[in-house]
Protein backbone atom coordinates (compact mmCIF):
# COMPACT_ATOMS: atom_id res chain seq x y z
CA MET A 1 146.11 125.83 100.12
CA LEU A 2 147.23 123.04 102.44
CA ALA A 3 148.10 120.84 99.45
CA GLY A 4 150.24 123.65 97.97
CA VAL A 5 152.13 124.13 101.24
CA LEU A 6 152.75 120.39 101.53
CA LEU A 7 154.04 120.30 97.94
CA LEU A 8 156.50 123.14 98.62
CA ALA A 9 157.63 121.47 101.81
CA THR A 10 158.27 118.30 99.86
CA VAL A 11 160.40 120.23 97.33
CA TRP A 12 162.43 121.73 100.17
CA VAL A 13 162.90 118.49 102.11
CA PHE A 14 163.81 116.28 99.17
CA LEU A 15 165.48 118.72 96.79
CA LEU A 16 166.57 122.19 97.89
CA ARG A 17 168.27 121.20 101.09
CA TYR A 18 170.70 119.04 99.09
CA VAL A 19 171.81 122.01 96.95
CA PRO A 20 175.04 123.47 98.42
CA ASP A 21 175.13 127.05 99.57
CA GLN A 22 178.60 127.52 98.06
CA ALA A 23 180.04 126.27 94.78
CA LEU A 24 183.42 124.54 94.96
CA LEU A 25 185.30 124.44 91.70
CA ARG A 26 188.32 122.18 91.13
CA LEU A 27 190.35 123.10 88.11
CA GLY A 28 192.09 120.33 86.28
CA SER A 29 194.63 122.68 84.60
CA PRO A 30 195.30 126.41 84.76
CA ASP A 31 195.18 126.60 81.02
CA VAL A 32 191.59 125.16 80.79
CA PRO A 33 188.85 127.77 81.42
CA VAL A 34 185.71 126.79 83.43
CA GLU A 35 182.37 127.59 81.74
CA GLY A 36 178.73 127.15 82.90
CA VAL A 37 176.36 128.15 85.71
CA PHE A 38 176.68 126.71 89.16
CA PRO A 39 173.46 127.38 91.23
CA ILE A 40 173.61 127.66 94.99
CA ARG A 41 170.81 127.37 97.58
CA SER A 42 170.49 131.07 98.36
CA GLU A 43 170.17 132.00 94.70
CA LEU A 44 167.48 129.33 94.16
CA LEU A 45 165.51 130.52 97.18
CA ARG A 46 165.59 134.14 95.99
CA ALA A 47 164.29 133.09 92.58
CA PHE A 48 161.80 130.46 93.79
CA ALA A 49 160.22 132.00 96.91
CA PRO A 50 158.32 134.93 95.22
CA LYS A 51 156.91 132.64 92.55
CA ALA A 52 155.83 130.09 95.18
CA ALA A 53 154.16 132.83 97.23
CA ALA A 54 152.30 134.10 94.15
CA VAL A 55 151.11 130.58 93.38
CA LEU A 56 149.87 130.14 96.96
CA VAL A 57 147.94 133.41 96.80
CA PHE A 58 146.38 132.28 93.52
CA LEU A 59 145.48 128.90 95.03
CA LEU A 60 143.87 130.65 98.00
CA ALA A 61 141.76 132.94 95.82
CA PHE A 62 140.86 130.14 93.41
CA GLY A 63 139.94 127.82 96.28
CA LEU A 64 137.68 130.38 97.94
CA VAL A 65 135.83 131.39 94.77
CA GLY A 66 135.68 127.90 93.29
CA GLY A 67 134.66 126.35 96.62
CA TRP A 68 131.90 128.92 97.05
CA LEU A 69 130.53 128.25 93.56
CA LEU A 70 130.85 124.49 93.90
CA ALA A 71 129.23 124.48 97.34
CA GLY A 72 126.33 126.57 96.03
CA ARG A 73 125.81 124.18 93.15
CA MET A 74 126.12 121.07 95.29
CA LEU A 75 123.87 122.39 98.07
CA ALA A 76 121.11 123.67 95.76
CA PRO A 77 119.12 120.42 96.23
CA LEU A 78 119.45 120.85 99.99
CA THR A 79 117.88 124.31 99.63
CA ARG A 80 114.88 122.76 97.87
CA ILE A 81 114.57 120.14 100.59
CA THR A 82 114.73 122.85 103.27
CA GLU A 83 111.99 124.85 101.52
CA ALA A 84 109.80 121.73 101.30
CA THR A 85 110.39 121.13 105.01
CA ARG A 86 109.23 124.66 105.83
CA LEU A 87 106.09 124.20 103.73
CA ALA A 88 105.34 120.88 105.43
CA GLY A 89 105.86 122.49 108.83
CA ALA A 90 103.36 125.19 107.84
CA GLY A 91 100.76 122.51 107.08
CA SER A 92 101.12 122.14 103.30
CA LEU A 93 101.56 118.39 102.77
CA SER A 94 100.73 118.43 99.06
CA HIS A 95 104.08 119.94 98.02
CA ARG A 96 106.65 117.52 96.59
CA ILE A 97 110.36 118.07 95.85
CA ARG A 98 110.64 115.75 92.82
CA LEU A 99 114.37 116.39 92.54
CA PRO A 100 115.69 115.73 89.00
CA GLY A 101 119.15 114.56 88.00
CA ARG A 102 121.22 111.53 88.79
CA ARG A 103 120.48 109.35 91.80
CA ASP A 104 122.98 110.60 94.35
CA GLU A 105 122.69 111.11 98.10
CA PHE A 106 120.59 114.28 97.72
CA ARG A 107 118.25 112.57 95.27
CA GLU A 108 117.75 109.67 97.69
CA LEU A 109 117.07 112.12 100.52
CA ALA A 110 114.54 114.04 98.42
CA ASP A 111 112.77 110.83 97.34
CA ALA A 112 112.63 109.64 100.95
CA PHE A 113 111.20 113.02 101.99
CA ASP A 114 108.55 112.85 99.25
CA SER A 115 107.63 109.35 100.40
CA MET A 116 107.30 110.60 103.96
CA LEU A 117 105.03 113.44 102.79
CA ASP A 118 102.88 110.91 100.92
CA GLN A 119 102.45 108.86 104.07
CA LEU A 120 101.74 111.92 106.21
CA GLU A 121 99.15 113.21 103.74
CA SER A 122 97.53 109.80 103.60
CA HIS A 123 97.52 109.60 107.40
CA VAL A 124 95.91 113.03 107.75
CA ALA A 125 93.29 112.16 105.14
CA GLU A 126 92.61 108.91 106.98
CA GLN A 127 92.10 110.79 110.24
CA GLU A 128 89.67 113.13 108.51
CA ARG A 129 87.78 110.16 107.11
CA PHE A 130 87.76 108.60 110.56
CA ALA A 131 86.15 111.74 112.01
CA ALA A 132 83.50 111.61 109.29
CA ASN A 133 82.94 107.88 109.84
CA ALA A 134 82.65 108.34 113.59
CA SER A 135 80.09 111.12 113.24
CA HIS A 136 78.15 109.02 110.73
CA GLU A 137 78.10 105.90 112.90
CA LEU A 138 77.31 107.73 116.15
CA ARG A 139 74.51 109.78 114.64
CA THR A 140 72.00 106.91 114.74
CA PRO A 141 72.29 105.88 118.43
CA LEU A 142 72.41 109.52 119.52
CA ALA A 143 69.28 110.29 117.51
CA ILE A 144 67.57 107.25 119.04
CA SER A 145 68.53 108.43 122.53
CA ARG A 146 67.11 111.88 121.88
CA ALA A 147 63.87 110.44 120.50
CA LEU A 148 63.49 108.17 123.52
CA LEU A 149 64.07 111.06 125.92
CA ASP A 150 61.49 113.20 124.12
CA LEU A 151 59.02 110.32 124.21
CA ALA A 152 59.61 109.74 127.93
CA ARG A 153 59.06 113.41 128.63
CA LYS A 154 55.76 113.39 126.74
CA ASP A 155 54.55 110.03 128.12
CA PRO A 156 55.96 109.41 131.64
CA ALA A 157 53.92 106.19 131.94
CA ARG A 158 56.23 104.47 129.44
CA ALA A 159 59.38 105.57 131.27
CA PRO A 160 60.48 102.10 132.53
CA ASP A 161 60.35 100.56 129.08
CA LEU A 162 61.97 103.62 127.49
CA ILE A 163 64.77 103.60 130.06
CA GLU A 164 65.68 100.03 129.08
CA ARG A 165 65.73 100.96 125.41
CA LEU A 166 67.73 104.10 126.17
CA HIS A 167 70.24 102.04 128.14
CA ALA A 168 70.62 99.65 125.22
CA ALA A 169 71.10 102.54 122.76
CA ASN A 170 73.72 104.19 124.99
CA THR A 171 75.53 100.89 125.48
CA ARG A 172 75.64 100.41 121.74
CA ALA A 173 76.96 103.96 121.25
CA ILE A 174 79.71 103.37 123.81
CA ASP A 175 80.71 100.06 122.24
CA LEU A 176 80.72 101.65 118.81
CA THR A 177 82.85 104.58 120.01
CA GLU A 178 85.40 102.21 121.51
CA ALA A 179 85.46 100.18 118.30
CA LEU A 180 86.01 103.28 116.16
CA LEU A 181 88.80 104.51 118.41
CA LEU A 182 90.30 101.04 118.29
CA LEU A 183 90.02 101.09 114.51
CA SER A 184 91.80 104.44 114.29
CA ARG A 185 94.77 103.06 116.24
CA GLY A 186 94.86 99.81 114.31
CA ASP A 187 96.23 97.81 117.26
CA PHE A 188 93.15 95.88 118.35
CA ALA A 189 93.39 92.58 120.20
CA GLY A 190 92.38 89.80 117.87
CA GLY A 191 90.17 86.90 118.87
CA ARG A 192 88.20 84.12 117.25
CA VAL A 193 85.06 85.32 115.46
CA ASP A 194 82.77 83.07 113.44
CA LEU A 195 81.51 85.10 110.50
CA SER A 196 78.52 82.79 110.06
CA LEU A 197 77.25 83.63 113.56
CA VAL A 198 77.89 87.33 112.98
CA ALA A 199 75.98 87.11 109.67
CA GLU A 200 73.00 85.42 111.34
CA GLU A 201 72.98 88.05 114.09
CA ALA A 202 73.08 90.89 111.55
CA ALA A 203 70.33 89.32 109.45
CA GLU A 204 68.13 88.86 112.52
CA THR A 205 68.67 92.48 113.54
CA LEU A 206 67.93 93.83 110.07
CA LEU A 207 65.05 91.49 109.29
CA PRO A 208 62.37 94.10 110.20
CA LEU A 209 64.01 96.53 107.79
CA ALA A 210 64.05 93.88 105.07
CA GLU A 211 60.39 93.05 105.66
CA GLN A 212 59.50 96.72 105.56
CA ARG A 213 61.15 97.06 102.16
CA ARG A 214 59.82 93.67 100.97
CA VAL A 215 63.33 92.28 100.53
CA THR A 216 63.94 88.55 101.04
CA LEU A 217 66.97 88.16 103.31
CA GLU A 218 68.77 84.81 103.36
CA VAL A 219 71.85 83.50 105.20
CA THR A 220 73.60 80.43 103.75
CA GLY A 221 76.87 78.58 104.07
CA GLY A 222 78.82 77.16 106.97
CA ALA A 223 81.21 78.18 109.69
CA ALA A 224 83.89 80.72 108.81
CA PRO A 225 86.14 81.39 111.82
CA ALA A 226 88.35 84.44 111.45
CA ALA A 227 90.84 86.28 113.63
CA GLY A 228 89.87 89.78 114.62
CA SER A 229 87.78 92.14 116.70
CA ALA A 230 84.23 90.94 117.25
CA GLU A 231 82.80 94.46 117.44
CA LEU A 232 84.52 95.63 114.26
CA LEU A 233 83.58 92.52 112.29
CA ARG A 234 80.01 92.83 113.55
CA ARG A 235 79.95 96.41 112.26
CA MET A 236 81.42 95.29 108.94
CA VAL A 237 78.80 92.58 108.38
CA SER A 238 75.98 94.85 109.57
CA ASN A 239 77.00 97.57 107.09
CA LEU A 240 77.17 95.09 104.22
CA VAL A 241 73.79 93.52 104.99
CA GLN A 242 72.16 96.91 105.47
CA ASN A 243 73.54 98.10 102.13
CA ALA A 244 72.25 94.94 100.46
CA VAL A 245 68.77 95.65 101.83
CA VAL A 246 68.48 99.38 101.22
CA HIS A 247 70.23 99.41 97.83
CA ASN A 248 67.65 97.07 96.31
CA TRP A 249 64.54 97.22 94.19
CA PRO A 250 61.91 99.45 95.82
CA ASP A 251 59.18 96.88 95.18
CA GLY A 252 61.04 93.87 96.57
CA GLY A 253 64.16 91.90 95.85
CA THR A 254 66.62 89.49 97.45
CA ALA A 255 69.73 89.84 99.60
CA THR A 256 71.92 86.80 100.27
CA VAL A 257 74.69 86.43 102.85
CA HIS A 258 76.99 83.43 102.36
CA THR A 259 79.87 82.33 104.58
CA GLU A 260 82.44 79.60 104.02
CA THR A 261 86.04 78.63 104.68
CA VAL A 262 88.37 78.20 101.71
CA GLY A 263 91.73 76.83 102.78
CA ASP A 264 93.04 79.14 105.50
CA THR A 265 90.70 81.98 104.52
CA ALA A 266 87.31 82.92 105.95
CA VAL A 267 85.04 84.15 103.16
CA LEU A 268 81.95 86.33 103.50
CA ARG A 269 79.92 87.11 100.38
CA VAL A 270 76.96 89.49 100.35
CA GLU A 271 75.00 89.94 97.12
CA ASN A 272 71.71 91.55 96.28
CA THR A 273 69.42 92.41 93.44
CA GLY A 274 68.73 95.95 92.38
CA PRO A 275 69.66 98.51 89.74
CA PRO A 276 72.73 97.59 87.66
CA VAL A 277 76.04 99.06 88.83
CA ALA A 278 78.44 100.28 86.14
CA ALA A 279 81.91 98.73 86.20
CA GLU A 280 83.61 102.13 86.24
CA GLN A 281 81.57 103.06 89.31
CA ILE A 282 82.84 100.12 91.39
CA PRO A 283 86.18 101.66 92.54
CA THR A 284 84.41 104.78 93.87
CA LEU A 285 81.94 102.93 96.10
CA THR A 286 84.46 102.40 98.92
CA GLU A 287 85.45 106.07 99.03
CA PRO A 288 83.83 108.28 101.66
CA PHE A 289 80.71 110.15 100.50
CA GLN A 290 80.76 108.42 97.09
CA ARG A 291 77.33 106.97 96.31
CA GLY A 292 77.17 107.19 92.54
CA THR A 293 74.33 108.62 90.51
CA SER A 294 72.41 105.42 89.90
CA ARG A 295 72.99 103.73 93.27
CA ALA A 296 70.52 105.47 95.55
CA ARG A 297 68.67 103.88 98.41
CA SER A 298 65.12 102.81 97.87
CA GLY A 299 62.75 104.96 99.78
CA GLY A 300 64.22 108.27 98.70
CA HIS A 301 67.04 108.52 101.26
CA ALA A 302 70.43 108.53 99.56
CA GLY A 303 72.55 108.27 102.70
CA VAL A 304 76.00 109.79 103.05
CA GLY A 305 78.11 107.09 101.41
CA LEU A 306 80.23 105.91 104.34
CA GLY A 307 79.06 102.32 104.84
CA LEU A 308 81.48 100.66 102.40
CA ALA A 309 84.25 103.08 103.38
CA ILE A 310 84.05 101.76 106.94
CA VAL A 311 83.94 98.18 105.64
CA LYS A 312 87.09 98.79 103.60
CA ARG A 313 88.90 100.21 106.63
CA ILE A 314 87.89 97.28 108.84
CA VAL A 315 88.95 94.72 106.23
CA ARG A 316 92.31 96.41 105.80
CA ALA A 317 92.81 96.56 109.58
CA HIS A 318 92.34 92.77 109.65
CA ASP A 319 94.82 92.17 106.80
CA GLY A 320 91.96 91.02 104.61
CA ARG A 321 90.79 91.65 101.07
CA LEU A 322 87.64 93.37 99.82
CA ASP A 323 86.32 92.73 96.31
CA LEU A 324 83.31 94.39 94.70
CA ALA A 325 81.73 93.29 91.43
CA PRO A 326 78.46 94.00 89.61
CA GLY A 327 75.83 91.29 89.91
CA GLN A 328 74.81 89.35 86.82
CA ASP A 329 71.19 90.45 87.19
CA GLY A 330 71.88 93.82 88.75
CA GLY A 331 72.89 94.79 92.23
CA LEU A 332 76.30 94.28 93.77
CA VAL A 333 78.41 91.33 94.94
CA VAL A 334 80.73 92.09 97.85
CA THR A 335 83.30 89.47 98.87
CA VAL A 336 85.39 89.74 102.02
CA ARG A 337 88.35 87.43 102.61
CA LEU A 338 89.94 87.39 106.06
CA PRO A 339 92.72 85.27 107.56
CA GLY A 340 91.08 82.21 109.04
CA ILE A 341 91.81 80.15 112.13
CA ARG A 342 92.84 76.51 112.00
CA VAL A 343 90.70 74.70 114.51
CA ALA A 344 91.92 71.50 116.11
CA THR A 345 89.36 68.65 116.08
CA VAL A 346 89.36 64.98 117.05
CA ASP A 347 88.81 62.37 114.38
CA PRO A 348 86.23 59.84 115.78
CA SER A 349 87.68 57.01 113.70
CA ARG A 350 91.18 57.63 115.13
CA PRO A 351 90.93 58.39 118.87
CA GLY A 352 93.73 60.41 120.37
CA ILE A 353 94.74 61.91 117.02
CA ARG A 354 93.98 65.60 116.53
CA THR A 355 93.53 67.01 113.08
CA HIS A 356 93.12 70.60 111.88
CA GLU A 357 90.43 72.05 109.70
């Protein structure tokens, strides 16, 4: 409508106002008649104004109807995005827009919204897994505390010794709770942790369990300093060693923990003997509650399948890499690679010169 008005104004300013309102005729000779039409401004306005008004009315109607149809067609993707937003606000994070058509601004907005829903759904699933992991990890120290309290109530004479053990169990539960909360936030303060020392500590702690199950537990290799949380890495190594012991032959086997430094990477490798693990079963072992049909613990207890899920989360929180592979003679080989720490040392043959290794 505005464009039509501007066009008419242009016609008036640059054309009609130069047409005279009266026609002046100059006859060359009285004997020569004058023929033709001589338009004047008033006549042109009377002929032109109704037609211009009709065109403006048509432009107004066409603009309203056409604009309404065009806006509805153009804003249809926005309606789909709005509906997806309502569903997400109601708690349904599985819905996706998947807008078809060419890649315009609405398509980019819909793809970005789908990506956001993917991240939100993954985050919610991770929080649910964290709750399951926390309950799994805290169940053992809480059960120990309850057993110690029951024992102290039945045998008061052993109270001093039981109190010390109860204090140790509660301290471990508190440390573990703080570590799990720290793991859920993912913003832990990193320090220097030698995986070889952590492996020796875990093997020493789990040695009675290995002897009970007649499993030979060995720790080999050298220093492997890594950057990370000592409590989380201790939990990671403990879970791996415990899995290597309990997922073994029921009548005896071997479990080996090896640590080394390769370049700027600290490497921890835990392998054991035991029933063969199918290659297609490997990807499912790090998922919560996934144990597999043939990978059950010796002794009849199948567990809940959260040990490797926690290991995977800890490795990812430390920007590391977790690899699982079937052993050549059965069992499983688990390799953890974490960012290492370059340690400055002094070369004895060149005093005053510091090297890095």
